[in-house]
């Protein structure tokens, strides 16, 4: 095991490995051949090749990260679009009205005898505001009157208010 550890120590370090290779070359060849052979040096690299290799590495890394960046941009876009869509659905000047006829708490409503309440903009004439929307088996809070909600599956508790 000690021999394996020593081999790993020598071969794992580039400078020790070069020393080891030189020593092995001197042992296997005659002294005259070793003396006559010029020392080997690392080949000269063209600076443009080094720059090109570095540029290729940068491009490769950028291409690996491109799908992640694209996914983050799409998620950000989805977040922004839904934020504006939600903001537009809940904001209306003068009170909340629903474009699909659903009465929400705070909506201004018109009350007609025998008909479900109808949401209207608070800037238009109205009979009151929806204080609560409750199931048919529950009662409304005090100072409110109950009316059937659009669709007939719930009660709308309306706080009656005179319109100017």
N, C-alpha and C. Protein backbone atom coordinates (compact mmCIF):
# COMPACT_ATOMS: atom_id res chain seq x y z
N UNK A 1 0.82 -1.19 0.00
CA UNK A 1 0.00 0.00 0.00
C UNK A 1 0.87 1.26 0.00
N UNK A 2 2.02 1.19 0.70
CA UNK A 2 2.92 2.34 0.75
C UNK A 2 3.45 2.66 -0.64
N UNK A 3 3.70 1.62 -1.45
CA UNK A 3 4.21 1.85 -2.81
C UNK A 3 3.15 2.55 -3.66
N UNK A 4 1.89 2.17 -3.48
CA UNK A 4 0.81 2.81 -4.24
C UNK A 4 0.69 4.27 -3.84
N UNK A 5 0.75 4.56 -2.55
CA UNK A 5 0.68 5.95 -2.07
C UNK A 5 1.85 6.78 -2.60
N UNK A 6 3.04 6.20 -2.62
CA UNK A 6 4.21 6.92 -3.12
C UNK A 6 4.06 7.18 -4.63
N UNK A 7 3.56 6.19 -5.37
CA UNK A 7 3.34 6.37 -6.81
C UNK A 7 2.32 7.48 -7.05
N UNK A 8 1.28 7.50 -6.28
CA UNK A 8 0.25 8.54 -6.45
C UNK A 8 0.83 9.92 -6.12
N UNK A 9 1.68 9.98 -5.07
CA UNK A 9 2.29 11.25 -4.70
C UNK A 9 3.18 11.77 -5.82
N UNK A 10 3.91 10.91 -6.47
CA UNK A 10 4.83 11.31 -7.53
C UNK A 10 4.05 11.63 -8.80
N UNK A 11 3.15 10.75 -9.20
CA UNK A 11 2.45 10.94 -10.47
C UNK A 11 1.38 12.02 -10.39
N UNK A 12 0.89 12.31 -9.22
CA UNK A 12 -0.15 13.33 -9.07
C UNK A 12 0.40 14.75 -9.15
N UNK A 13 1.69 14.93 -8.93
CA UNK A 13 2.31 16.26 -8.97
C UNK A 13 3.09 16.39 -10.28
N UNK A 14 2.73 17.36 -11.15
CA UNK A 14 3.40 17.47 -12.47
C UNK A 14 4.91 17.65 -12.38
N UNK A 15 5.41 18.43 -11.43
CA UNK A 15 6.87 18.64 -11.36
C UNK A 15 7.58 17.36 -10.91
N UNK A 16 7.03 16.64 -9.96
CA UNK A 16 7.64 15.38 -9.53
C UNK A 16 7.57 14.33 -10.64
N UNK A 17 6.48 14.37 -11.39
CA UNK A 17 6.35 13.42 -12.49
C UNK A 17 7.42 13.67 -13.56
N UNK A 18 7.71 14.95 -13.86
CA UNK A 18 8.75 15.27 -14.84
C UNK A 18 10.11 14.78 -14.35
N UNK A 19 10.39 14.98 -13.06
CA UNK A 19 11.65 14.50 -12.49
C UNK A 19 11.75 12.98 -12.60
N UNK A 20 10.63 12.32 -12.30
CA UNK A 20 10.61 10.86 -12.38
C UNK A 20 10.85 10.39 -13.82
N UNK A 21 10.20 11.05 -14.78
CA UNK A 21 10.37 10.68 -16.19
C UNK A 21 11.81 10.89 -16.65
N UNK A 22 12.43 11.99 -16.22
CA UNK A 22 13.83 12.24 -16.57
C UNK A 22 14.75 11.17 -15.99
N UNK A 23 14.50 10.81 -14.74
CA UNK A 23 15.33 9.79 -14.09
C UNK A 23 15.17 8.45 -14.80
N UNK A 24 13.97 8.11 -15.21
CA UNK A 24 13.74 6.84 -15.92
C UNK A 24 14.43 6.87 -17.28
N UNK A 25 14.40 8.02 -17.96
CA UNK A 25 15.04 8.12 -19.27
C UNK A 25 16.56 7.98 -19.15
N UNK A 26 17.15 8.54 -18.09
CA UNK A 26 18.59 8.44 -17.89
C UNK A 26 19.00 7.01 -17.58
N UNK A 27 18.21 6.26 -16.85
CA UNK A 27 18.54 4.88 -16.49
C UNK A 27 18.47 3.96 -17.71
N UNK A 28 17.52 4.20 -18.59
CA UNK A 28 17.33 3.28 -19.72
C UNK A 28 18.25 3.56 -20.89
N UNK A 29 18.79 4.76 -21.02
CA UNK A 29 19.67 5.07 -22.15
C UNK A 29 21.11 5.20 -21.69
N UNK A 30 22.06 4.93 -22.59
CA UNK A 30 23.48 5.09 -22.23
C UNK A 30 23.81 6.55 -21.93
N UNK A 31 24.86 6.78 -21.19
CA UNK A 31 25.26 8.11 -20.77
C UNK A 31 25.60 8.99 -21.97
N UNK A 32 26.18 8.41 -23.00
CA UNK A 32 26.57 9.21 -24.16
C UNK A 32 25.33 9.73 -24.90
N UNK A 33 24.26 8.93 -24.99
CA UNK A 33 23.05 9.34 -25.68
C UNK A 33 22.35 10.44 -24.90
N UNK A 34 22.36 10.31 -23.58
CA UNK A 34 21.68 11.30 -22.75
C UNK A 34 22.40 12.62 -22.83
N UNK A 35 23.74 12.58 -22.91
CA UNK A 35 24.48 13.83 -22.96
C UNK A 35 24.34 14.49 -24.32
N UNK A 36 24.22 13.69 -25.39
CA UNK A 36 24.14 14.24 -26.72
C UNK A 36 22.75 14.79 -27.05
N UNK A 37 21.75 14.29 -26.40
CA UNK A 37 20.39 14.72 -26.72
C UNK A 37 20.12 16.09 -26.12
N UNK A 38 19.60 17.00 -26.92
CA UNK A 38 19.29 18.33 -26.37
C UNK A 38 18.10 18.23 -25.41
N UNK A 39 18.06 19.07 -24.42
CA UNK A 39 16.93 19.02 -23.48
C UNK A 39 15.63 19.39 -24.18
N UNK A 40 14.59 18.70 -23.79
CA UNK A 40 13.28 18.99 -24.38
C UNK A 40 12.65 20.18 -23.69
N UNK A 41 12.00 20.99 -24.46
CA UNK A 41 11.27 22.12 -23.88
C UNK A 41 9.85 22.08 -24.41
N UNK A 42 9.00 22.72 -23.72
CA UNK A 42 7.59 22.75 -24.13
C UNK A 42 7.48 23.52 -25.44
N UNK A 43 6.64 23.03 -26.35
CA UNK A 43 6.50 23.76 -27.61
C UNK A 43 5.92 25.15 -27.38
N UNK A 44 6.37 26.08 -28.18
CA UNK A 44 5.87 27.46 -28.07
C UNK A 44 4.45 27.51 -28.61
N UNK A 45 3.59 28.19 -27.90
CA UNK A 45 2.20 28.33 -28.35
C UNK A 45 2.01 29.73 -28.89
N UNK A 46 1.24 29.80 -29.91
CA UNK A 46 0.90 31.08 -30.52
C UNK A 46 -0.06 31.81 -29.58
N UNK A 47 0.18 33.07 -29.24
CA UNK A 47 -0.73 33.80 -28.33
C UNK A 47 -2.16 33.86 -28.86
N UNK A 48 -2.33 33.89 -30.18
CA UNK A 48 -3.68 33.93 -30.73
C UNK A 48 -4.42 32.63 -30.47
N UNK A 49 -3.66 31.49 -30.48
CA UNK A 49 -4.30 30.21 -30.18
C UNK A 49 -4.78 30.19 -28.73
N UNK A 50 -3.97 30.72 -27.82
CA UNK A 50 -4.37 30.77 -26.41
C UNK A 50 -5.62 31.61 -26.25
N UNK A 51 -5.67 32.77 -26.91
CA UNK A 51 -6.86 33.62 -26.85
C UNK A 51 -8.07 32.91 -27.44
N UNK A 52 -7.84 32.21 -28.55
CA UNK A 52 -8.93 31.49 -29.20
C UNK A 52 -9.46 30.38 -28.29
N UNK A 53 -8.55 29.65 -27.63
CA UNK A 53 -8.99 28.61 -26.70
C UNK A 53 -9.82 29.20 -25.57
N UNK A 54 -9.36 30.33 -25.04
CA UNK A 54 -10.07 30.98 -23.94
C UNK A 54 -11.44 31.46 -24.41
N UNK A 55 -11.50 32.04 -25.61
CA UNK A 55 -12.78 32.51 -26.16
C UNK A 55 -13.74 31.34 -26.35
N UNK A 56 -13.22 30.23 -26.85
CA UNK A 56 -14.06 29.04 -27.02
C UNK A 56 -14.63 28.58 -25.69
N UNK A 57 -13.81 28.62 -24.62
CA UNK A 57 -14.29 28.23 -23.30
C UNK A 57 -15.41 29.14 -22.82
N UNK A 58 -15.27 30.45 -23.04
CA UNK A 58 -16.29 31.41 -22.62
C UNK A 58 -17.59 31.15 -23.37
N UNK A 59 -17.48 30.93 -24.68
CA UNK A 59 -18.67 30.66 -25.49
C UNK A 59 -19.33 29.36 -25.04
N UNK A 60 -18.52 28.35 -24.77
CA UNK A 60 -19.07 27.07 -24.32
C UNK A 60 -19.82 27.24 -23.01
N UNK A 61 -19.24 27.95 -22.06
CA UNK A 61 -19.92 28.17 -20.78
C UNK A 61 -21.19 28.99 -20.96
N UNK A 62 -21.14 29.98 -21.82
CA UNK A 62 -22.34 30.79 -22.06
C UNK A 62 -23.45 29.95 -22.67
N UNK A 63 -23.09 29.08 -23.59
CA UNK A 63 -24.11 28.23 -24.22
C UNK A 63 -24.70 27.24 -23.23
N UNK A 64 -23.91 26.79 -22.28
CA UNK A 64 -24.45 25.88 -21.26
C UNK A 64 -25.43 26.61 -20.35
N UNK A 65 -25.21 27.89 -20.10
CA UNK A 65 -26.09 28.65 -19.22
C UNK A 65 -27.28 29.27 -19.93
N UNK A 66 -27.29 29.26 -21.25
CA UNK A 66 -28.38 29.90 -22.01
C UNK A 66 -29.76 29.33 -21.69
N UNK A 67 -29.96 28.02 -21.58
CA UNK A 67 -31.31 27.53 -21.24
C UNK A 67 -31.78 28.01 -19.87
N UNK A 68 -30.88 28.07 -18.92
CA UNK A 68 -31.26 28.55 -17.59
C UNK A 68 -31.66 30.02 -17.64
N UNK A 69 -30.90 30.81 -18.35
CA UNK A 69 -31.23 32.24 -18.47
C UNK A 69 -32.56 32.42 -19.19
N UNK A 70 -32.78 31.66 -20.25
CA UNK A 70 -34.05 31.75 -20.99
C UNK A 70 -35.23 31.37 -20.09
N UNK A 71 -35.07 30.35 -19.28
CA UNK A 71 -36.13 29.93 -18.38
C UNK A 71 -36.43 31.02 -17.34
N UNK A 72 -35.40 31.65 -16.82
CA UNK A 72 -35.60 32.71 -15.84
C UNK A 72 -36.32 33.91 -16.46
N UNK A 73 -35.97 34.24 -17.70
CA UNK A 73 -36.64 35.36 -18.39
C UNK A 73 -38.11 35.04 -18.61
N UNK A 74 -38.42 33.82 -19.02
CA UNK A 74 -39.83 33.42 -19.23
C UNK A 74 -40.60 33.47 -17.92
N UNK A 75 -40.02 32.97 -16.85
CA UNK A 75 -40.70 33.02 -15.54
C UNK A 75 -40.94 34.45 -15.09
N UNK A 76 -39.98 35.33 -15.30
CA UNK A 76 -40.14 36.73 -14.95
C UNK A 76 -41.26 37.36 -15.76
N UNK A 77 -41.30 37.06 -17.04
CA UNK A 77 -42.36 37.58 -17.91
C UNK A 77 -43.74 37.09 -17.45
N UNK A 78 -43.85 35.82 -17.10
CA UNK A 78 -45.12 35.29 -16.60
C UNK A 78 -45.53 36.00 -15.32
N UNK A 79 -44.57 36.22 -14.43
CA UNK A 79 -44.87 36.90 -13.17
C UNK A 79 -45.39 38.31 -13.42
N UNK A 80 -44.74 39.05 -14.30
CA UNK A 80 -45.15 40.43 -14.58
C UNK A 80 -46.53 40.46 -15.22
N UNK A 81 -46.78 39.58 -16.18
CA UNK A 81 -48.08 39.56 -16.85
C UNK A 81 -49.19 39.22 -15.87
N UNK A 82 -49.00 38.22 -15.03
CA UNK A 82 -50.05 37.88 -14.06
C UNK A 82 -50.23 38.97 -13.02
N UNK A 83 -49.18 39.65 -12.64
CA UNK A 83 -49.33 40.74 -11.67
C UNK A 83 -50.19 41.86 -12.25
N UNK A 84 -49.94 42.23 -13.49
CA UNK A 84 -50.74 43.27 -14.11
C UNK A 84 -52.16 42.80 -14.39
N UNK A 85 -52.33 41.54 -14.76
CA UNK A 85 -53.67 41.02 -15.03
C UNK A 85 -54.49 40.99 -13.74
N UNK A 86 -53.89 40.57 -12.63
CA UNK A 86 -54.60 40.53 -11.36
C UNK A 86 -54.91 41.95 -10.88
N UNK A 87 -54.00 42.87 -11.09
CA UNK A 87 -54.22 44.25 -10.67
C UNK A 87 -55.38 44.86 -11.46
N UNK A 88 -55.43 44.59 -12.75
CA UNK A 88 -56.50 45.13 -13.58
C UNK A 88 -57.85 44.53 -13.24
N UNK A 89 -57.89 43.27 -12.81
CA UNK A 89 -59.16 42.63 -12.50
C UNK A 89 -59.75 43.14 -11.20
N UNK A 90 -58.91 43.59 -10.27
CA UNK A 90 -59.41 44.00 -8.96
C UNK A 90 -59.53 45.50 -8.78
N UNK A 91 -59.12 46.25 -9.75
CA UNK A 91 -59.20 47.69 -9.57
C UNK A 91 -60.22 48.28 -10.54
N UNK A 92 -61.14 49.00 -9.96
CA UNK A 92 -62.07 49.75 -10.79
C UNK A 92 -62.40 51.02 -10.04
N UNK A 93 -62.47 52.15 -10.71
CA UNK A 93 -62.73 53.39 -10.00
C UNK A 93 -64.12 53.39 -9.39
N UNK A 94 -64.17 53.79 -8.14
CA UNK A 94 -65.47 53.92 -7.49
C UNK A 94 -65.99 52.65 -6.86
N UNK A 95 -65.29 51.57 -6.86
CA UNK A 95 -65.76 50.34 -6.22
C UNK A 95 -65.49 49.15 -7.10
N UNK A 96 -65.77 47.97 -6.56
CA UNK A 96 -65.44 46.79 -7.32
C UNK A 96 -66.68 46.23 -7.98
N UNK A 97 -66.58 46.02 -9.24
CA UNK A 97 -67.62 45.33 -9.98
C UNK A 97 -66.96 44.25 -10.77
N UNK A 98 -67.67 43.18 -10.98
CA UNK A 98 -67.09 42.07 -11.71
C UNK A 98 -67.67 42.03 -13.11
N UNK A 99 -66.83 41.91 -14.12
CA UNK A 99 -67.33 41.90 -15.48
C UNK A 99 -68.16 40.66 -15.81
N UNK A 100 -68.00 39.59 -15.03
CA UNK A 100 -68.76 38.38 -15.33
C UNK A 100 -70.05 38.28 -14.52
N UNK A 101 -70.46 39.34 -13.83
CA UNK A 101 -71.73 39.35 -13.11
C UNK A 101 -71.67 38.73 -11.72
N UNK A 102 -70.51 38.43 -11.22
CA UNK A 102 -70.37 37.86 -9.88
C UNK A 102 -70.27 39.02 -8.89
N UNK A 103 -71.04 38.91 -7.83
CA UNK A 103 -71.03 39.96 -6.81
C UNK A 103 -69.94 39.62 -5.79
N UNK A 104 -69.08 40.59 -5.52
CA UNK A 104 -68.02 40.45 -4.54
C UNK A 104 -68.29 41.39 -3.37
N UNK A 105 -67.67 41.10 -2.25
CA UNK A 105 -67.81 41.98 -1.09
C UNK A 105 -67.28 43.35 -1.47
N UNK A 106 -68.05 44.39 -1.20
CA UNK A 106 -67.69 45.76 -1.55
C UNK A 106 -68.30 46.22 -2.85
N UNK A 107 -68.90 45.31 -3.64
CA UNK A 107 -69.52 45.69 -4.91
C UNK A 107 -70.77 46.52 -4.66
N UNK A 108 -70.99 47.48 -5.50
CA UNK A 108 -72.25 48.21 -5.48
C UNK A 108 -73.26 47.39 -6.27
N UNK A 109 -74.51 47.33 -5.75
CA UNK A 109 -75.50 46.46 -6.38
C UNK A 109 -76.83 47.17 -6.56
N UNK A 110 -77.58 46.70 -7.55
CA UNK A 110 -78.97 47.11 -7.75
C UNK A 110 -79.84 45.96 -7.29
N UNK A 111 -80.92 46.30 -6.59
CA UNK A 111 -81.83 45.28 -6.07
C UNK A 111 -83.16 45.43 -6.79
N UNK A 112 -83.65 44.34 -7.36
CA UNK A 112 -84.96 44.34 -8.01
C UNK A 112 -85.79 43.24 -7.35
N UNK A 113 -87.05 43.49 -7.11
CA UNK A 113 -87.91 42.51 -6.45
C UNK A 113 -88.01 41.25 -7.30
N UNK A 114 -87.75 40.10 -6.65
CA UNK A 114 -87.85 38.81 -7.32
C UNK A 114 -86.70 38.48 -8.25
N UNK A 115 -85.71 39.32 -8.34
CA UNK A 115 -84.57 39.10 -9.22
C UNK A 115 -83.28 39.03 -8.38
N UNK A 116 -82.26 38.35 -8.89
CA UNK A 116 -80.97 38.38 -8.19
C UNK A 116 -80.39 39.79 -8.25
N UNK A 117 -79.56 40.11 -7.27
CA UNK A 117 -78.91 41.41 -7.27
C UNK A 117 -77.97 41.49 -8.47
N UNK A 118 -77.73 42.69 -8.94
CA UNK A 118 -76.85 42.89 -10.08
C UNK A 118 -75.74 43.86 -9.71
N UNK A 119 -74.47 43.48 -9.95
CA UNK A 119 -73.38 44.41 -9.65
C UNK A 119 -73.37 45.54 -10.67
N UNK A 120 -73.11 46.75 -10.17
CA UNK A 120 -73.02 47.93 -11.02
C UNK A 120 -71.83 48.76 -10.55
N UNK A 121 -71.28 49.60 -11.41
CA UNK A 121 -70.21 50.50 -10.96
C UNK A 121 -70.76 51.44 -9.88
N UNK A 122 -69.95 51.73 -8.90
CA UNK A 122 -70.39 52.58 -7.80
C UNK A 122 -70.61 54.02 -8.24
N UNK A 123 -70.15 54.39 -9.42
CA UNK A 123 -70.39 55.74 -9.94
C UNK A 123 -71.80 55.88 -10.50
N UNK A 124 -72.46 54.75 -10.74
CA UNK A 124 -73.84 54.76 -11.25
C UNK A 124 -74.80 54.62 -10.08
N UNK A 125 -76.09 54.93 -10.29
CA UNK A 125 -77.06 54.75 -9.20
C UNK A 125 -77.09 53.29 -8.74
N UNK A 126 -77.14 53.09 -7.42
CA UNK A 126 -77.16 51.75 -6.85
C UNK A 126 -77.96 51.78 -5.55
N UNK A 127 -78.37 50.59 -5.09
CA UNK A 127 -79.17 50.48 -3.87
C UNK A 127 -78.33 50.24 -2.63
N UNK A 128 -77.14 49.72 -2.76
CA UNK A 128 -76.29 49.46 -1.60
C UNK A 128 -75.01 48.74 -2.02
N UNK A 129 -74.27 48.32 -0.97
CA UNK A 129 -73.01 47.60 -1.20
C UNK A 129 -73.11 46.21 -0.60
N UNK A 130 -72.48 45.26 -1.27
CA UNK A 130 -72.45 43.89 -0.76
C UNK A 130 -71.53 43.85 0.46
N UNK A 131 -72.10 43.51 1.62
CA UNK A 131 -71.32 43.43 2.85
C UNK A 131 -70.76 42.03 3.05
N UNK A 132 -71.45 41.02 2.51
CA UNK A 132 -71.01 39.63 2.64
C UNK A 132 -71.72 38.80 1.59
N UNK A 133 -71.09 37.70 1.23
CA UNK A 133 -71.72 36.70 0.37
C UNK A 133 -71.63 35.40 1.15
N UNK A 134 -72.80 34.85 1.51
CA UNK A 134 -72.84 33.68 2.40
C UNK A 134 -73.65 32.55 1.76
N UNK A 135 -73.44 31.31 2.20
CA UNK A 135 -74.26 30.21 1.70
C UNK A 135 -75.73 30.43 2.08
N UNK A 136 -76.62 29.74 1.39
CA UNK A 136 -78.06 29.92 1.62
C UNK A 136 -78.50 29.55 3.03
N UNK A 137 -77.80 28.65 3.70
CA UNK A 137 -78.20 28.21 5.04
C UNK A 137 -77.66 29.10 6.16
N UNK A 138 -76.89 30.13 5.86
CA UNK A 138 -76.38 31.04 6.89
C UNK A 138 -77.13 32.37 6.82
N UNK A 139 -77.14 33.06 7.95
CA UNK A 139 -77.83 34.36 7.97
C UNK A 139 -76.84 35.48 7.72
N UNK A 140 -77.40 36.64 7.40
CA UNK A 140 -76.58 37.81 7.11
C UNK A 140 -76.26 38.57 8.39
N UNK A 141 -75.20 39.38 8.39
CA UNK A 141 -74.88 40.20 9.55
C UNK A 141 -75.97 41.25 9.80
N UNK A 142 -75.91 41.85 11.00
CA UNK A 142 -76.88 42.90 11.36
C UNK A 142 -76.74 44.09 10.41
N UNK A 143 -77.80 44.84 10.28
CA UNK A 143 -77.87 46.03 9.45
C UNK A 143 -77.66 45.74 7.97
N UNK A 144 -77.93 44.51 7.58
CA UNK A 144 -77.89 44.16 6.15
C UNK A 144 -79.16 43.40 5.81
N UNK A 145 -79.48 43.41 4.55
CA UNK A 145 -80.63 42.65 4.06
C UNK A 145 -80.11 41.62 3.08
N UNK A 146 -80.75 40.44 3.08
CA UNK A 146 -80.23 39.43 2.16
C UNK A 146 -81.06 39.37 0.89
N UNK A 147 -80.35 39.09 -0.19
CA UNK A 147 -80.94 38.94 -1.52
C UNK A 147 -80.25 37.76 -2.18
N UNK A 148 -80.87 37.23 -3.19
CA UNK A 148 -80.30 36.10 -3.91
C UNK A 148 -79.16 36.59 -4.79
N UNK A 149 -78.08 35.82 -4.76
CA UNK A 149 -76.92 36.14 -5.59
C UNK A 149 -77.18 35.67 -7.02
N UNK A 150 -76.50 36.24 -7.99
CA UNK A 150 -76.62 35.73 -9.36
C UNK A 150 -76.28 34.24 -9.39
N UNK A 151 -77.10 33.46 -10.02
CA UNK A 151 -76.90 32.02 -10.05
C UNK A 151 -77.74 31.31 -9.00
N UNK A 152 -78.21 32.03 -7.98
CA UNK A 152 -79.09 31.47 -6.96
C UNK A 152 -78.48 30.50 -5.99
N UNK A 153 -77.16 30.43 -5.88
CA UNK A 153 -76.52 29.45 -4.99
C UNK A 153 -76.02 30.06 -3.69
N UNK A 154 -76.21 31.35 -3.49
CA UNK A 154 -75.74 32.01 -2.27
C UNK A 154 -76.61 33.22 -2.00
N UNK A 155 -76.40 33.81 -0.81
CA UNK A 155 -77.07 35.04 -0.43
C UNK A 155 -76.06 36.18 -0.49
N UNK A 156 -76.54 37.31 -0.94
CA UNK A 156 -75.72 38.52 -0.87
C UNK A 156 -76.31 39.39 0.22
N UNK A 157 -75.52 39.68 1.23
CA UNK A 157 -75.95 40.53 2.33
C UNK A 157 -75.62 41.98 1.94
N UNK A 158 -76.64 42.79 1.75
CA UNK A 158 -76.48 44.14 1.22
C UNK A 158 -76.70 45.17 2.33
N UNK A 159 -75.75 46.07 2.49
CA UNK A 159 -75.93 47.23 3.37
C UNK A 159 -76.55 48.31 2.50
N UNK A 160 -77.80 48.57 2.75
CA UNK A 160 -78.54 49.53 1.91
C UNK A 160 -78.02 50.94 2.17
N UNK A 161 -77.87 51.69 1.10
CA UNK A 161 -77.42 53.08 1.24
C UNK A 161 -78.13 53.91 0.16
N UNK A 162 -78.55 55.06 0.54
CA UNK A 162 -79.22 55.90 -0.47
C UNK A 162 -78.20 56.46 -1.45
N UNK A 163 -78.58 56.53 -2.69
CA UNK A 163 -77.69 57.11 -3.69
C UNK A 163 -78.07 58.57 -3.91
N UNK A 164 -77.12 59.43 -4.12
CA UNK A 164 -77.41 60.86 -4.30
C UNK A 164 -78.14 61.14 -5.59
